[in-house]
Amino acid sequence: MEEIQNANQKTMSVKDWLITLLIMAIPLVGFIMLFVYAFGNNENVNKQNWAKAQLIVLAIVIGLMIVFFSVFGAIFSSAMAGSQNY
């Protein structure tokens, strides 16, 4: 058990990060692996924190996109409704 803990505390190498980033580039697999990396028990602490940060940023971006498209959609909708009166 102590060996696993020490491996999870070790600094990740450039090779480890390259493999991680290549996995993240695969569309659906990358999204699923973010959850595996973030909440898995056997993952490196650095990778866990990075994955949690990525998920938080992703949630913020999705939230902002929903707000933006809702506002833009409402403006566009009212502009189109107003132009039909002429």
PDB file of N, CA and C in Angstrom:
ATOM      1  N   MET A   1       0.826  -1.199   0.000  1.00  0.00           N
ATOM      2  CA  MET A   1       0.000   0.000   0.000  1.00  0.00           C
ATOM      3  C   MET A   1       0.869   1.262   0.000  1.00  0.00           C
ATOM      4  N   GLU A   2       1.973   1.214   0.726  1.00  0.00           N
ATOM      5  CA  GLU A   2       2.857   2.366   0.805  1.00  0.00           C
ATOM      6  C   GLU A   2       3.521   2.645  -0.541  1.00  0.00           C
ATOM      7  N   GLU A   3       3.799   1.577  -1.312  1.00  0.00           N
ATOM      8  CA  GLU A   3       4.391   1.762  -2.637  1.00  0.00           C
ATOM      9  C   GLU A   3       3.449   2.514  -3.561  1.00  0.00           C
ATOM     10  N   ILE A   4       2.145   2.204  -3.483  1.00  0.00           N
ATOM     11  CA  ILE A   4       1.156   2.893  -4.314  1.00  0.00           C
ATOM     12  C   ILE A   4       1.079   4.356  -3.913  1.00  0.00           C
ATOM     13  N   GLN A   5       1.108   4.638  -2.612  1.00  0.00           N
ATOM     14  CA  GLN A   5       1.065   6.016  -2.156  1.00  0.00           C
ATOM     15  C   GLN A   5       2.271   6.792  -2.647  1.00  0.00           C
ATOM     16  N   ASN A   6       3.452   6.190  -2.582  1.00  0.00           N
ATOM     17  CA  ASN A   6       4.658   6.867  -3.049  1.00  0.00           C
ATOM     18  C   ASN A   6       4.610   7.114  -4.552  1.00  0.00           C
ATOM     19  N   ALA A   7       4.081   6.163  -5.316  1.00  0.00           N
ATOM     20  CA  ALA A   7       3.956   6.333  -6.765  1.00  0.00           C
ATOM     21  C   ALA A   7       2.968   7.443  -7.098  1.00  0.00           C
ATOM     22  N   ASN A   8       1.928   7.600  -6.293  1.00  0.00           N
ATOM     23  CA  ASN A   8       0.932   8.642  -6.536  1.00  0.00           C
ATOM     24  C   ASN A   8       1.437  10.032  -6.161  1.00  0.00           C
ATOM     25  N   GLN A   9       2.457  10.110  -5.350  1.00  0.00           N
ATOM     26  CA  GLN A   9       3.021  11.391  -4.924  1.00  0.00           C
ATOM     27  C   GLN A   9       4.177  11.851  -5.817  1.00  0.00           C
ATOM     28  N   LYS A  10       4.678  10.958  -6.644  1.00  0.00           N
ATOM     29  CA  LYS A  10       5.844  11.220  -7.483  1.00  0.00           C
ATOM     30  C   LYS A  10       5.527  12.258  -8.558  1.00  0.00           C
ATOM     31  N   THR A  11       6.528  13.057  -8.903  1.00  0.00           N
ATOM     32  CA  THR A  11       6.355  14.042  -9.975  1.00  0.00           C
ATOM     33  C   THR A  11       6.189  13.319 -11.308  1.00  0.00           C
ATOM     34  N   MET A  12       5.233  13.799 -12.115  1.00  0.00           N
ATOM     35  CA  MET A  12       5.001  13.184 -13.419  1.00  0.00           C
ATOM     36  C   MET A  12       6.061  13.645 -14.404  1.00  0.00           C
ATOM     37  N   SER A  13       6.510  12.727 -15.239  1.00  0.00           N
ATOM     38  CA  SER A  13       7.516  13.056 -16.242  1.00  0.00           C
ATOM     39  C   SER A  13       6.849  13.668 -17.476  1.00  0.00           C
ATOM     40  N   VAL A  14       7.675  14.182 -18.361  1.00  0.00           N
ATOM     41  CA  VAL A  14       7.173  14.741 -19.619  1.00  0.00           C
ATOM     42  C   VAL A  14       6.468  13.654 -20.423  1.00  0.00           C
ATOM     43  N   LYS A  15       7.017  12.449 -20.405  1.00  0.00           N
ATOM     44  CA  LYS A  15       6.397  11.325 -21.120  1.00  0.00           C
ATOM     45  C   LYS A  15       4.990  11.045 -20.571  1.00  0.00           C
ATOM     46  N   ASP A  16       4.840  11.060 -19.248  1.00  0.00           N
ATOM     47  CA  ASP A  16       3.524  10.835 -18.637  1.00  0.00           C
ATOM     48  C   ASP A  16       2.525  11.908 -19.073  1.00  0.00           C
ATOM     49  N   TRP A  17       2.975  13.171 -19.098  1.00  0.00           N
ATOM     50  CA  TRP A  17       2.087  14.245 -19.514  1.00  0.00           C
ATOM     51  C   TRP A  17       1.731  14.133 -20.993  1.00  0.00           C
ATOM     52  N   LEU A  18       2.687  13.757 -21.835  1.00  0.00           N
ATOM     53  CA  LEU A  18       2.397  13.595 -23.261  1.00  0.00           C
ATOM     54  C   LEU A  18       1.355  12.512 -23.495  1.00  0.00           C
ATOM     55  N   ILE A  19       1.490  11.402 -22.787  1.00  0.00           N
ATOM     56  CA  ILE A  19       0.503  10.321 -22.912  1.00  0.00           C
ATOM     57  C   ILE A  19      -0.867  10.802 -22.442  1.00  0.00           C
ATOM     58  N   THR A  20      -0.886  11.520 -21.333  1.00  0.00           N
ATOM     59  CA  THR A  20      -2.147  12.045 -20.809  1.00  0.00           C
ATOM     60  C   THR A  20      -2.800  12.993 -21.808  1.00  0.00           C
ATOM     61  N   LEU A  21      -2.017  13.897 -22.381  1.00  0.00           N
ATOM     62  CA  LEU A  21      -2.570  14.855 -23.336  1.00  0.00           C
ATOM     63  C   LEU A  21      -3.027  14.180 -24.630  1.00  0.00           C
ATOM     64  N   LEU A  22      -2.330  13.139 -25.064  1.00  0.00           N
ATOM     65  CA  LEU A  22      -2.779  12.395 -26.244  1.00  0.00           C
ATOM     66  C   LEU A  22      -4.107  11.699 -25.982  1.00  0.00           C
ATOM     67  N   ILE A  23      -4.265  11.160 -24.794  1.00  0.00           N
ATOM     68  CA  ILE A  23      -5.542  10.517 -24.437  1.00  0.00           C
ATOM     69  C   ILE A  23      -6.656  11.566 -24.397  1.00  0.00           C
ATOM     70  N   MET A  24      -6.345  12.755 -23.894  1.00  0.00           N
ATOM     71  CA  MET A  24      -7.351  13.822 -23.822  1.00  0.00           C
ATOM     72  C   MET A  24      -7.785  14.296 -25.205  1.00  0.00           C
ATOM     73  N   ALA A  25      -6.954  14.086 -26.215  1.00  0.00           N
ATOM     74  CA  ALA A  25      -7.273  14.531 -27.573  1.00  0.00           C
ATOM     75  C   ALA A  25      -8.301  13.635 -28.255  1.00  0.00           C
ATOM     76  N   ILE A  26      -8.554  12.451 -27.721  1.00  0.00           N
ATOM     77  CA  ILE A  26      -9.562  11.549 -28.288  1.00  0.00           C
ATOM     78  C   ILE A  26     -10.922  12.021 -27.793  1.00  0.00           C
ATOM     79  N   PRO A  27     -11.845  12.375 -28.701  1.00  0.00           N
ATOM     80  CA  PRO A  27     -13.063  13.087 -28.311  1.00  0.00           C
ATOM     81  C   PRO A  27     -13.840  12.547 -27.109  1.00  0.00           C
ATOM     82  N   LEU A  28     -14.456  11.433 -27.156  1.00  0.00           N
ATOM     83  CA  LEU A  28     -15.288  10.978 -26.037  1.00  0.00           C
ATOM     84  C   LEU A  28     -14.446  10.335 -24.945  1.00  0.00           C
ATOM     85  N   VAL A  29     -13.405   9.660 -25.329  1.00  0.00           N
ATOM     86  CA  VAL A  29     -12.524   8.983 -24.376  1.00  0.00           C
ATOM     87  C   VAL A  29     -11.868  10.005 -23.447  1.00  0.00           C
ATOM     88  N   GLY A  30     -11.450  11.135 -23.990  1.00  0.00           N
ATOM     89  CA  GLY A  30     -10.815  12.165 -23.192  1.00  0.00           C
ATOM     90  C   GLY A  30     -11.726  12.695 -22.101  1.00  0.00           C
ATOM     91  N   PHE A  31     -12.991  12.898 -22.437  1.00  0.00           N
ATOM     92  CA  PHE A  31     -13.959  13.400 -21.455  1.00  0.00           C
ATOM     93  C   PHE A  31     -14.175  12.382 -20.336  1.00  0.00           C
ATOM     94  N   ILE A  32     -14.312  11.130 -20.697  1.00  0.00           N
ATOM     95  CA  ILE A  32     -14.498  10.075 -19.694  1.00  0.00           C
ATOM     96  C   ILE A  32     -13.249   9.938 -18.830  1.00  0.00           C
ATOM     97  N   MET A  33     -12.076  10.019 -19.461  1.00  0.00           N
ATOM     98  CA  MET A  33     -10.835   9.873 -18.704  1.00  0.00           C
ATOM     99  C   MET A  33     -10.611  11.021 -17.732  1.00  0.00           C
ATOM    100  N   LEU A  34     -11.168  12.195 -18.004  1.00  0.00           N
ATOM    101  CA  LEU A  34     -11.073  13.282 -17.024  1.00  0.00           C
ATOM    102  C   LEU A  34     -11.692  12.865 -15.699  1.00  0.00           C
ATOM    103  N   PHE A  35     -12.841  12.194 -15.758  1.00  0.00           N
ATOM    104  CA  PHE A  35     -13.486  11.731 -14.525  1.00  0.00           C
ATOM    105  C   PHE A  35     -12.678  10.620 -13.869  1.00  0.00           C
ATOM    106  N   VAL A  36     -12.114   9.736 -14.680  1.00  0.00           N
ATOM    107  CA  VAL A  36     -11.286   8.654 -14.137  1.00  0.00           C
ATOM    108  C   VAL A  36     -10.061   9.235 -13.443  1.00  0.00           C
ATOM    109  N   TYR A  37      -9.392  10.186 -14.109  1.00  0.00           N
ATOM    110  CA  TYR A  37      -8.211  10.803 -13.518  1.00  0.00           C
ATOM    111  C   TYR A  37      -8.566  11.610 -12.269  1.00  0.00           C
ATOM    112  N   ALA A  38      -9.680  12.325 -12.308  1.00  0.00           N
ATOM    113  CA  ALA A  38     -10.040  13.207 -11.194  1.00  0.00           C
ATOM    114  C   ALA A  38     -10.463  12.437  -9.946  1.00  0.00           C
ATOM    115  N   PHE A  39     -11.193  11.352 -10.136  1.00  0.00           N
ATOM    116  CA  PHE A  39     -11.786  10.676  -8.979  1.00  0.00           C
ATOM    117  C   PHE A  39     -11.275   9.262  -8.759  1.00  0.00           C
ATOM    118  N   GLY A  40     -10.283   8.827  -9.536  1.00  0.00           N
ATOM    119  CA  GLY A  40      -9.696   7.511  -9.352  1.00  0.00           C
ATOM    120  C   GLY A  40      -8.767   7.482  -8.146  1.00  0.00           C
ATOM    121  N   ASN A  41      -8.710   6.366  -7.476  1.00  0.00           N
ATOM    122  CA  ASN A  41      -7.882   6.246  -6.275  1.00  0.00           C
ATOM    123  C   ASN A  41      -6.420   5.980  -6.592  1.00  0.00           C
ATOM    124  N   ASN A  42      -6.118   5.401  -7.732  1.00  0.00           N
ATOM    125  CA  ASN A  42      -4.751   4.996  -8.046  1.00  0.00           C
ATOM    126  C   ASN A  42      -4.034   5.976  -8.963  1.00  0.00           C
ATOM    127  N   GLU A  43      -4.539   7.195  -9.077  1.00  0.00           N
ATOM    128  CA  GLU A  43      -3.936   8.173  -9.975  1.00  0.00           C
ATOM    129  C   GLU A  43      -2.957   9.075  -9.230  1.00  0.00           C
ATOM    130  N   ASN A  44      -2.020   9.611  -9.974  1.00  0.00           N
ATOM    131  CA  ASN A  44      -1.057  10.547  -9.433  1.00  0.00           C
ATOM    132  C   ASN A  44      -1.782  11.790  -8.931  1.00  0.00           C
ATOM    133  N   VAL A  45      -1.330  12.333  -7.812  1.00  0.00           N
ATOM    134  CA  VAL A  45      -1.982  13.501  -7.209  1.00  0.00           C
ATOM    135  C   VAL A  45      -1.943  14.689  -8.163  1.00  0.00           C
ATOM    136  N   ASN A  46      -0.841  14.856  -8.878  1.00  0.00           N
ATOM    137  CA  ASN A  46      -0.744  15.958  -9.838  1.00  0.00           C
ATOM    138  C   ASN A  46      -1.788  15.822 -10.940  1.00  0.00           C
ATOM    139  N   LYS A  47      -1.945  14.607 -11.447  1.00  0.00           N
ATOM    140  CA  LYS A  47      -2.918  14.361 -12.510  1.00  0.00           C
ATOM    141  C   LYS A  47      -4.345  14.523 -11.986  1.00  0.00           C
ATOM    142  N   GLN A  48      -4.600  14.109 -10.756  1.00  0.00           N
ATOM    143  CA  GLN A  48      -5.928  14.278 -10.160  1.00  0.00           C
ATOM    144  C   GLN A  48      -6.291  15.754 -10.055  1.00  0.00           C
ATOM    145  N   ASN A  49      -5.381  16.555  -9.550  1.00  0.00           N
ATOM    146  CA  ASN A  49      -5.655  17.984  -9.406  1.00  0.00           C
ATOM    147  C   ASN A  49      -5.838  18.659 -10.761  1.00  0.00           C
ATOM    148  N   TRP A  50      -5.021  18.265 -11.746  1.00  0.00           N
ATOM    149  CA  TRP A  50      -5.157  18.816 -13.086  1.00  0.00           C
ATOM    150  C   TRP A  50      -6.529  18.461 -13.684  1.00  0.00           C
ATOM    151  N   ALA A  51      -6.943  17.209 -13.521  1.00  0.00           N
ATOM    152  CA  ALA A  51      -8.225  16.766 -14.079  1.00  0.00           C
ATOM    153  C   ALA A  51      -9.392  17.476 -13.399  1.00  0.00           C
ATOM    154  N   LYS A  52      -9.306  17.665 -12.082  1.00  0.00           N
ATOM    155  CA  LYS A  52     -10.368  18.394 -11.376  1.00  0.00           C
ATOM    156  C   LYS A  52     -10.447  19.841 -11.863  1.00  0.00           C
ATOM    157  N   ALA A  53      -9.293  20.460 -12.065  1.00  0.00           N
ATOM    158  CA  ALA A  53      -9.269  21.830 -12.574  1.00  0.00           C
ATOM    159  C   ALA A  53      -9.856  21.895 -13.985  1.00  0.00           C
ATOM    160  N   GLN A  54      -9.539  20.908 -14.822  1.00  0.00           N
ATOM    161  CA  GLN A  54     -10.089  20.857 -16.179  1.00  0.00           C
ATOM    162  C   GLN A  54     -11.614  20.733 -16.152  1.00  0.00           C
ATOM    163  N   LEU A  55     -12.128  19.905 -15.254  1.00  0.00           N
ATOM    164  CA  LEU A  55     -13.576  19.739 -15.146  1.00  0.00           C
ATOM    165  C   LEU A  55     -14.250  21.018 -14.661  1.00  0.00           C
ATOM    166  N   ILE A  56     -13.621  21.735 -13.736  1.00  0.00           N
ATOM    167  CA  ILE A  56     -14.176  23.002 -13.261  1.00  0.00           C
ATOM    168  C   ILE A  56     -14.202  24.025 -14.382  1.00  0.00           C
ATOM    169  N   VAL A  57     -13.108  24.137 -15.127  1.00  0.00           N
ATOM    170  CA  VAL A  57     -13.052  25.070 -16.258  1.00  0.00           C
ATOM    171  C   VAL A  57     -14.091  24.693 -17.307  1.00  0.00           C
ATOM    172  N   LEU A  58     -14.232  23.406 -17.578  1.00  0.00           N
ATOM    173  CA  LEU A  58     -15.218  22.941 -18.547  1.00  0.00           C
ATOM    174  C   LEU A  58     -16.637  23.308 -18.109  1.00  0.00           C
ATOM    175  N   ALA A  59     -16.940  23.149 -16.828  1.00  0.00           N
ATOM    176  CA  ALA A  59     -18.262  23.506 -16.311  1.00  0.00           C
ATOM    177  C   ALA A  59     -18.510  25.012 -16.425  1.00  0.00           C
ATOM    178  N   ILE A  60     -17.497  25.823 -16.145  1.00  0.00           N
ATOM    179  CA  ILE A  60     -17.635  27.275 -16.261  1.00  0.00           C
ATOM    180  C   ILE A  60     -17.871  27.672 -17.717  1.00  0.00           C
ATOM    181  N   VAL A  61     -17.113  27.090 -18.635  1.00  0.00           N
ATOM    182  CA  VAL A  61     -17.261  27.417 -20.061  1.00  0.00           C
ATOM    183  C   VAL A  61     -18.648  27.020 -20.566  1.00  0.00           C
ATOM    184  N   ILE A  62     -19.112  25.839 -20.184  1.00  0.00           N
ATOM    185  CA  ILE A  62     -20.447  25.398 -20.609  1.00  0.00           C
ATOM    186  C   ILE A  62     -21.517  26.325 -20.037  1.00  0.00           C
ATOM    187  N   GLY A  63     -21.360  26.719 -18.770  1.00  0.00           N
ATOM    188  CA  GLY A  63     -22.310  27.651 -18.156  1.00  0.00           C
ATOM    189  C   GLY A  63     -22.333  28.988 -18.868  1.00  0.00           C
ATOM    190  N   LEU A  64     -21.159  29.517 -19.192  1.00  0.00           N
ATOM    191  CA  LEU A  64     -21.098  30.791 -19.916  1.00  0.00           C
ATOM    192  C   LEU A  64     -21.680  30.673 -21.316  1.00  0.00           C
ATOM    193  N   MET A  65     -21.456  29.541 -21.970  1.00  0.00           N
ATOM    194  CA  MET A  65     -22.034  29.335 -23.307  1.00  0.00           C
ATOM    195  C   MET A  65     -23.558  29.294 -23.246  1.00  0.00           C
ATOM    196  N   ILE A  66     -24.100  28.647 -22.239  1.00  0.00           N
ATOM    197  CA  ILE A  66     -25.555  28.595 -22.093  1.00  0.00           C
ATOM    198  C   ILE A  66     -26.119  29.995 -21.888  1.00  0.00           C
ATOM    199  N   VAL A  67     -25.476  30.780 -21.013  1.00  0.00           N
ATOM    200  CA  VAL A  67     -25.933  32.155 -20.780  1.00  0.00           C
ATOM    201  C   VAL A  67     -25.808  32.979 -22.058  1.00  0.00           C
ATOM    202  N   PHE A  68     -24.676  32.894 -22.735  1.00  0.00           N
ATOM    203  CA  PHE A  68     -24.448  33.668 -23.954  1.00  0.00           C
ATOM    204  C   PHE A  68     -25.472  33.332 -25.026  1.00  0.00           C
ATOM    205  N   PHE A  69     -25.676  32.038 -25.277  1.00  0.00           N
ATOM    206  CA  PHE A  69     -26.609  31.662 -26.333  1.00  0.00           C
ATOM    207  C   PHE A  69     -28.057  31.945 -25.947  1.00  0.00           C
ATOM    208  N   SER A  70     -28.372  31.911 -24.676  1.00  0.00           N
ATOM    209  CA  SER A  70     -29.723  32.281 -24.246  1.00  0.00           C
ATOM    210  C   SER A  70     -29.973  33.765 -24.496  1.00  0.00           C
ATOM    211  N   VAL A  71     -29.017  34.604 -24.102  1.00  0.00           N
ATOM    212  CA  VAL A  71     -29.155  36.044 -24.314  1.00  0.00           C
ATOM    213  C   VAL A  71     -29.157  36.358 -25.807  1.00  0.00           C
ATOM    214  N   PHE A  72     -28.208  35.797 -26.544  1.00  0.00           N
ATOM    215  CA  PHE A  72     -28.137  36.040 -27.979  1.00  0.00           C
ATOM    216  C   PHE A  72     -29.398  35.535 -28.674  1.00  0.00           C
ATOM    217  N   GLY A  73     -29.895  34.372 -28.271  1.00  0.00           N
ATOM    218  CA  GLY A  73     -31.115  33.824 -28.860  1.00  0.00           C
ATOM    219  C   GLY A  73     -32.325  34.700 -28.590  1.00  0.00           C
ATOM    220  N   ALA A  74     -32.411  35.241 -27.372  1.00  0.00           N
ATOM    221  CA  ALA A  74     -33.535  36.122 -27.037  1.00  0.00           C
ATOM    222  C   ALA A  74     -33.467  37.412 -27.850  1.00  0.00           C
ATOM    223  N   ILE A  75     -32.272  37.970 -28.000  1.00  0.00           N
ATOM    224  CA  ILE A  75     -32.121  39.198 -28.797  1.00  0.00           C
ATOM    225  C   ILE A  75     -32.452  38.924 -30.257  1.00  0.00           C
ATOM    226  N   PHE A  76     -31.934  37.837 -30.787  1.00  0.00           N
ATOM    227  CA  PHE A  76     -32.197  37.481 -32.182  1.00  0.00           C
ATOM    228  C   PHE A  76     -33.691  37.207 -32.395  1.00  0.00           C
ATOM    229  N   SER A  77     -34.283  36.507 -31.460  1.00  0.00           N
ATOM    230  CA  SER A  77     -35.715  36.187 -31.566  1.00  0.00           C
ATOM    231  C   SER A  77     -36.566  37.449 -31.552  1.00  0.00           C
ATOM    232  N   SER A  78     -36.258  38.380 -30.659  1.00  0.00           N
ATOM    233  CA  SER A  78     -37.057  39.615 -30.607  1.00  0.00           C
ATOM    234  C   SER A  78     -36.794  40.485 -31.832  1.00  0.00           C
ATOM    235  N   ALA A  79     -35.582  40.445 -32.362  1.00  0.00           N
ATOM    236  CA  ALA A  79     -35.284  41.213 -33.579  1.00  0.00           C
ATOM    237  C   ALA A  79     -36.062  40.635 -34.770  1.00  0.00           C
ATOM    238  N   MET A  80     -36.131  39.322 -34.853  1.00  0.00           N
ATOM    239  CA  MET A  80     -36.873  38.692 -35.945  1.00  0.00           C
ATOM    240  C   MET A  80     -38.377  38.945 -35.800  1.00  0.00           C
ATOM    241  N   ALA A  81     -38.871  38.930 -34.584  1.00  0.00           N
ATOM    242  CA  ALA A  81     -40.298  39.195 -34.373  1.00  0.00           C
ATOM    243  C   ALA A  81     -40.637  40.647 -34.703  1.00  0.00           C
ATOM    244  N   GLY A  82     -39.718  41.539 -34.397  1.00  0.00           N
ATOM    245  CA  GLY A  82     -39.933  42.955 -34.695  1.00  0.00           C
ATOM    246  C   GLY A  82     -39.863  43.243 -36.174  1.00  0.00           C
ATOM    247  N   SER A  83     -39.081  42.512 -36.915  1.00  0.00           N
ATOM    248  CA  SER A  83     -38.944  42.760 -38.352  1.00  0.00           C
ATOM    249  C   SER A  83     -40.123  42.212 -39.143  1.00  0.00           C
ATOM    250  N   GLN A  84     -40.931  41.369 -38.557  1.00  0.00           N
ATOM    251  CA  GLN A  84     -42.083  40.801 -39.258  1.00  0.00           C
ATOM    252  C   GLN A  84     -43.257  41.784 -39.268  1.00  0.00           C
ATOM    253  N   ASN A  85     -43.197  42.810 -38.449  1.00  0.00           N
ATOM    254  CA  ASN A  85     -44.292  43.784 -38.403  1.00  0.00           C
ATOM    255  C   ASN A  85     -44.289  44.715 -39.599  1.00  0.00           C
ATOM    256  N   TYR A  86     -43.201  44.795 -40.336  1.00  0.00           N
ATOM    257  CA  TYR A  86     -43.127  45.726 -41.459  1.00  0.00           C
ATOM    258  C   TYR A  86     -43.682  45.147 -42.691  1.00  0.00           C
TER     259      TYR A  86
END
